[in-house]
Amino acid sequence: MQALLWIAVFVITFLVMEFLAWATHKYVMHGFLWVLHRDHHHKDHGSWWERNDFFFIFYALVSIGCFLLWQYENVWIGLPIGLGIFAYGITYFMVHDIFIHQRFKLFRNANNWYAKGIRRAHKIHHKHLGKDEGECFGMLVPPLKYFKK
């Protein structure tokens, strides 16, 4: 029974992370921390590393904090929450950085309906260079209109 609870907390955390990523992207990255996100939209920085990558570090530290709560304070829920955040981070990295932006040349031939929808939504997001005109702030669950032909 306890294993089912751990799995449920892990899955719920992973799903909630999509909403948190959307909210962080819309209100923080395109808000008061635009200074860190701007280079991701402008690509005029001439570097593989972007200031935008600091957001990944933030979520990694939150995940590590959850692991530490579990390990040193014996707070059981820290483990499935930390793993859920970690799993979402890995998924985000694979989809956003590797698949969409091709920071590593992998998954280039993925051409199914889901892959096309994600690419369309992200392309629309990046057509806006300013912080205020953005749309499609989500990652794994973009609006349904991007899946239509």
C-alpha atoms as a PDB file:
ATOM      1  CA  MET A   1       0.000   0.000   0.000  1.00  0.00           C
ATOM      2  CA  GLN A   2       2.798   2.411   0.836  1.00  0.00           C
ATOM      3  CA  ALA A   3       4.420   1.757  -2.556  1.00  0.00           C
ATOM      4  CA  LEU A   4       1.185   2.838  -4.284  1.00  0.00           C
ATOM      5  CA  LEU A   5       1.201   6.078  -2.286  1.00  0.00           C
ATOM      6  CA  TRP A   6       4.812   6.760  -3.275  1.00  0.00           C
ATOM      7  CA  ILE A   7       3.982   6.096  -6.940  1.00  0.00           C
ATOM      8  CA  ALA A   8       0.912   8.349  -6.745  1.00  0.00           C
ATOM      9  CA  VAL A   9       2.944  11.201  -5.213  1.00  0.00           C
ATOM     10  CA  PHE A  10       5.623  10.734  -7.903  1.00  0.00           C
ATOM     11  CA  VAL A  11       3.066  10.833 -10.758  1.00  0.00           C
ATOM     12  CA  ILE A  12       1.180  13.786  -9.287  1.00  0.00           C
ATOM     13  CA  THR A  13       4.452  15.685  -8.817  1.00  0.00           C
ATOM     14  CA  PHE A  14       5.467  15.006 -12.421  1.00  0.00           C
ATOM     15  CA  LEU A  15       2.084  16.247 -13.690  1.00  0.00           C
ATOM     16  CA  VAL A  16       2.088  19.328 -11.440  1.00  0.00           C
ATOM     17  CA  MET A  17       5.541  20.197 -12.761  1.00  0.00           C
ATOM     18  CA  GLU A  18       4.047  20.859 -16.209  1.00  0.00           C
ATOM     19  CA  PHE A  19       1.792  23.518 -14.680  1.00  0.00           C
ATOM     20  CA  LEU A  20       4.669  24.928 -12.600  1.00  0.00           C
ATOM     21  CA  ALA A  21       6.897  25.037 -15.693  1.00  0.00           C
ATOM     22  CA  TRP A  22       4.133  26.883 -17.587  1.00  0.00           C
ATOM     23  CA  ALA A  23       3.620  29.387 -14.746  1.00  0.00           C
ATOM     24  CA  THR A  24       7.363  29.905 -14.235  1.00  0.00           C
ATOM     25  CA  HIS A  25       7.854  30.401 -17.975  1.00  0.00           C
ATOM     26  CA  LYS A  26       4.999  32.882 -18.315  1.00  0.00           C
ATOM     27  CA  TYR A  27       5.303  34.903 -15.106  1.00  0.00           C
ATOM     28  CA  VAL A  28       8.958  34.585 -14.097  1.00  0.00           C
ATOM     29  CA  MET A  29      10.956  33.972 -17.282  1.00  0.00           C
ATOM     30  CA  HIS A  30       8.828  36.384 -19.303  1.00  0.00           C
ATOM     31  CA  GLY A  31       8.471  38.603 -16.247  1.00  0.00           C
ATOM     32  CA  PHE A  32      10.956  39.834 -13.684  1.00  0.00           C
ATOM     33  CA  LEU A  33      13.706  37.361 -14.704  1.00  0.00           C
ATOM     34  CA  TRP A  34      13.520  38.112 -18.437  1.00  0.00           C
ATOM     35  CA  VAL A  35      17.176  39.135 -18.144  1.00  0.00           C
ATOM     36  CA  LEU A  36      18.013  35.423 -17.732  1.00  0.00           C
ATOM     37  CA  HIS A  37      15.564  34.139 -20.358  1.00  0.00           C
ATOM     38  CA  ARG A  38      16.152  36.737 -23.092  1.00  0.00           C
ATOM     39  CA  ASP A  39      19.192  35.021 -24.596  1.00  0.00           C
ATOM     40  CA  HIS A  40      17.103  31.905 -25.194  1.00  0.00           C
ATOM     41  CA  HIS A  41      14.884  33.903 -27.564  1.00  0.00           C
ATOM     42  CA  HIS A  42      17.551  36.032 -29.223  1.00  0.00           C
ATOM     43  CA  LYS A  43      20.358  33.542 -29.874  1.00  0.00           C
ATOM     44  CA  ASP A  44      22.818  36.413 -30.315  1.00  0.00           C
ATOM     45  CA  HIS A  45      25.021  35.308 -27.436  1.00  0.00           C
ATOM     46  CA  GLY A  46      27.330  33.043 -29.459  1.00  0.00           C
ATOM     47  CA  SER A  47      27.550  30.390 -26.750  1.00  0.00           C
ATOM     48  CA  TRP A  48      26.176  26.909 -26.207  1.00  0.00           C
ATOM     49  CA  TRP A  49      25.452  27.887 -22.581  1.00  0.00           C
ATOM     50  CA  GLU A  50      22.557  30.297 -22.031  1.00  0.00           C
ATOM     51  CA  ARG A  51      21.725  32.331 -18.939  1.00  0.00           C
ATOM     52  CA  ASN A  52      18.334  30.631 -19.314  1.00  0.00           C
ATOM     53  CA  ASP A  53      20.001  27.398 -18.126  1.00  0.00           C
ATOM     54  CA  PHE A  54      20.032  28.803 -14.576  1.00  0.00           C
ATOM     55  CA  PHE A  55      16.340  27.885 -14.354  1.00  0.00           C
ATOM     56  CA  PHE A  56      17.314  24.229 -14.769  1.00  0.00           C
ATOM     57  CA  ILE A  57      19.772  24.620 -11.892  1.00  0.00           C
ATOM     58  CA  PHE A  58      17.025  26.101  -9.687  1.00  0.00           C
ATOM     59  CA  TYR A  59      14.712  23.129 -10.208  1.00  0.00           C
ATOM     60  CA  ALA A  60      17.621  20.719  -9.707  1.00  0.00           C
ATOM     61  CA  LEU A  61      18.328  22.337  -6.334  1.00  0.00           C
ATOM     62  CA  VAL A  62      14.656  22.005  -5.332  1.00  0.00           C
ATOM     63  CA  SER A  63      14.771  18.316  -6.272  1.00  0.00           C
ATOM     64  CA  ILE A  64      18.006  17.814  -4.311  1.00  0.00           C
ATOM     65  CA  GLY A  65      16.415  19.580  -1.343  1.00  0.00           C
ATOM     66  CA  CYS A  66      13.573  17.057  -1.420  1.00  0.00           C
ATOM     67  CA  PHE A  67      16.066  14.178  -1.487  1.00  0.00           C
ATOM     68  CA  LEU A  68      17.886  15.694   1.507  1.00  0.00           C
ATOM     69  CA  LEU A  69      14.610  15.994   3.433  1.00  0.00           C
ATOM     70  CA  TRP A  70      14.008  12.311   2.846  1.00  0.00           C
ATOM     71  CA  GLN A  71      17.582  11.234   3.592  1.00  0.00           C
ATOM     72  CA  TYR A  72      18.430  13.349   6.645  1.00  0.00           C
ATOM     73  CA  GLU A  73      15.095  14.370   8.131  1.00  0.00           C
ATOM     74  CA  ASN A  74      13.259  11.105   7.394  1.00  0.00           C
ATOM     75  CA  VAL A  75      10.448  12.922   5.565  1.00  0.00           C
ATOM     76  CA  TRP A  76       9.218  10.062   3.351  1.00  0.00           C
ATOM     77  CA  ILE A  77       7.391  12.294   0.853  1.00  0.00           C
ATOM     78  CA  GLY A  78      10.663  14.015  -0.046  1.00  0.00           C
ATOM     79  CA  LEU A  79      11.778  11.015  -2.100  1.00  0.00           C
ATOM     80  CA  PRO A  80       8.798  10.690  -4.473  1.00  0.00           C
ATOM     81  CA  ILE A  81       8.516  14.480  -4.845  1.00  0.00           C
ATOM     82  CA  GLY A  82      12.246  14.798  -5.528  1.00  0.00           C
ATOM     83  CA  LEU A  83      12.078  11.951  -8.049  1.00  0.00           C
ATOM     84  CA  GLY A  84       9.006  13.490  -9.735  1.00  0.00           C
ATOM     85  CA  ILE A  85      10.788  16.832 -10.152  1.00  0.00           C
ATOM     86  CA  PHE A  86      13.911  15.024 -11.373  1.00  0.00           C
ATOM     87  CA  ALA A  87      11.931  12.938 -13.885  1.00  0.00           C
ATOM     88  CA  TYR A  88      10.192  16.051 -15.218  1.00  0.00           C
ATOM     89  CA  GLY A  89      13.571  17.795 -15.516  1.00  0.00           C
ATOM     90  CA  ILE A  90      15.004  14.898 -17.529  1.00  0.00           C
ATOM     91  CA  THR A  91      11.888  14.849 -19.733  1.00  0.00           C
ATOM     92  CA  TYR A  92      12.028  18.618 -20.213  1.00  0.00           C
ATOM     93  CA  PHE A  93      15.710  18.426 -21.150  1.00  0.00           C
ATOM     94  CA  MET A  94      15.081  15.601 -23.632  1.00  0.00           C
ATOM     95  CA  VAL A  95      12.109  17.330 -25.285  1.00  0.00           C
ATOM     96  CA  HIS A  96      13.112  21.002 -25.111  1.00  0.00           C
ATOM     97  CA  ASP A  97      16.894  21.044 -25.328  1.00  0.00           C
ATOM     98  CA  ILE A  98      17.579  17.893 -27.331  1.00  0.00           C
ATOM     99  CA  PHE A  99      14.474  17.334 -29.484  1.00  0.00           C
ATOM    100  CA  ILE A 100      13.266  20.883 -30.151  1.00  0.00           C
ATOM    101  CA  HIS A 101      16.420  23.023 -29.983  1.00  0.00           C
ATOM    102  CA  GLN A 102      18.826  20.265 -31.073  1.00  0.00           C
ATOM    103  CA  ARG A 103      21.524  21.194 -28.555  1.00  0.00           C
ATOM    104  CA  PHE A 104      22.603  17.608 -29.136  1.00  0.00           C
ATOM    105  CA  LYS A 105      21.895  16.122 -32.553  1.00  0.00           C
ATOM    106  CA  LEU A 106      19.489  13.382 -31.467  1.00  0.00           C
ATOM    107  CA  PHE A 107      15.836  12.607 -32.211  1.00  0.00           C
ATOM    108  CA  ARG A 108      16.003  14.516 -35.512  1.00  0.00           C
ATOM    109  CA  ASN A 109      13.702  12.121 -37.336  1.00  0.00           C
ATOM    110  CA  ALA A 110      10.836  12.074 -34.834  1.00  0.00           C
ATOM    111  CA  ASN A 111       7.883  13.075 -36.968  1.00  0.00           C
ATOM    112  CA  ASN A 112       4.744  11.719 -35.332  1.00  0.00           C
ATOM    113  CA  TRP A 113       1.673  13.887 -34.571  1.00  0.00           C
ATOM    114  CA  TYR A 114       2.840  14.645 -31.019  1.00  0.00           C
ATOM    115  CA  ALA A 115       6.346  15.654 -32.106  1.00  0.00           C
ATOM    116  CA  LYS A 116       4.934  17.914 -34.815  1.00  0.00           C
ATOM    117  CA  GLY A 117       2.500  19.545 -32.378  1.00  0.00           C
ATOM    118  CA  ILE A 118       5.214  20.247 -29.815  1.00  0.00           C
ATOM    119  CA  ARG A 119       7.483  21.714 -32.491  1.00  0.00           C
ATOM    120  CA  ARG A 120       4.691  23.943 -33.879  1.00  0.00           C
ATOM    121  CA  ALA A 121       3.775  25.297 -30.456  1.00  0.00           C
ATOM    122  CA  HIS A 122       7.395  26.006 -29.562  1.00  0.00           C
ATOM    123  CA  LYS A 123       8.045  27.676 -32.904  1.00  0.00           C
ATOM    124  CA  ILE A 124       5.082  29.997 -32.279  1.00  0.00           C
ATOM    125  CA  HIS A 125       6.477  30.757 -28.824  1.00  0.00           C
ATOM    126  CA  HIS A 126       9.864  31.713 -30.263  1.00  0.00           C
ATOM    127  CA  LYS A 127       8.504  33.893 -33.050  1.00  0.00           C
ATOM    128  CA  HIS A 128       7.967  36.552 -30.362  1.00  0.00           C
ATOM    129  CA  LEU A 129      11.290  38.122 -29.404  1.00  0.00           C
ATOM    130  CA  GLY A 130       9.993  40.352 -26.624  1.00  0.00           C
ATOM    131  CA  LYS A 131       8.908  39.310 -23.171  1.00  0.00           C
ATOM    132  CA  ASP A 132       5.333  40.587 -23.471  1.00  0.00           C
ATOM    133  CA  GLU A 133       3.942  39.084 -26.686  1.00  0.00           C
ATOM    134  CA  GLY A 134       4.539  35.429 -25.840  1.00  0.00           C
ATOM    135  CA  GLU A 135       2.194  32.480 -26.159  1.00  0.00           C
ATOM    136  CA  CYS A 136       2.480  28.691 -25.715  1.00  0.00           C
ATOM    137  CA  PHE A 137       4.347  28.705 -22.422  1.00  0.00           C
ATOM    138  CA  GLY A 138       3.766  25.020 -21.698  1.00  0.00           C
ATOM    139  CA  MET A 139       6.051  22.252 -22.751  1.00  0.00           C
ATOM    140  CA  LEU A 140       4.624  18.743 -22.816  1.00  0.00           C
ATOM    141  CA  VAL A 141       0.957  19.744 -23.136  1.00  0.00           C
ATOM    142  CA  PRO A 142       0.634  22.584 -25.652  1.00  0.00           C
ATOM    143  CA  PRO A 143      -2.797  23.793 -26.813  1.00  0.00           C
ATOM    144  CA  LEU A 144      -4.677  21.288 -28.970  1.00  0.00           C
ATOM    145  CA  LYS A 145      -4.739  23.622 -31.973  1.00  0.00           C
ATOM    146  CA  TYR A 146      -1.054  22.821 -32.614  1.00  0.00           C
ATOM    147  CA  PHE A 147      -1.858  19.163 -33.180  1.00  0.00           C
ATOM    148  CA  LYS A 148      -4.298  19.899 -36.006  1.00  0.00           C
ATOM    149  CA  LYS A 149      -3.075  19.977 -39.598  1.00  0.00           C
END
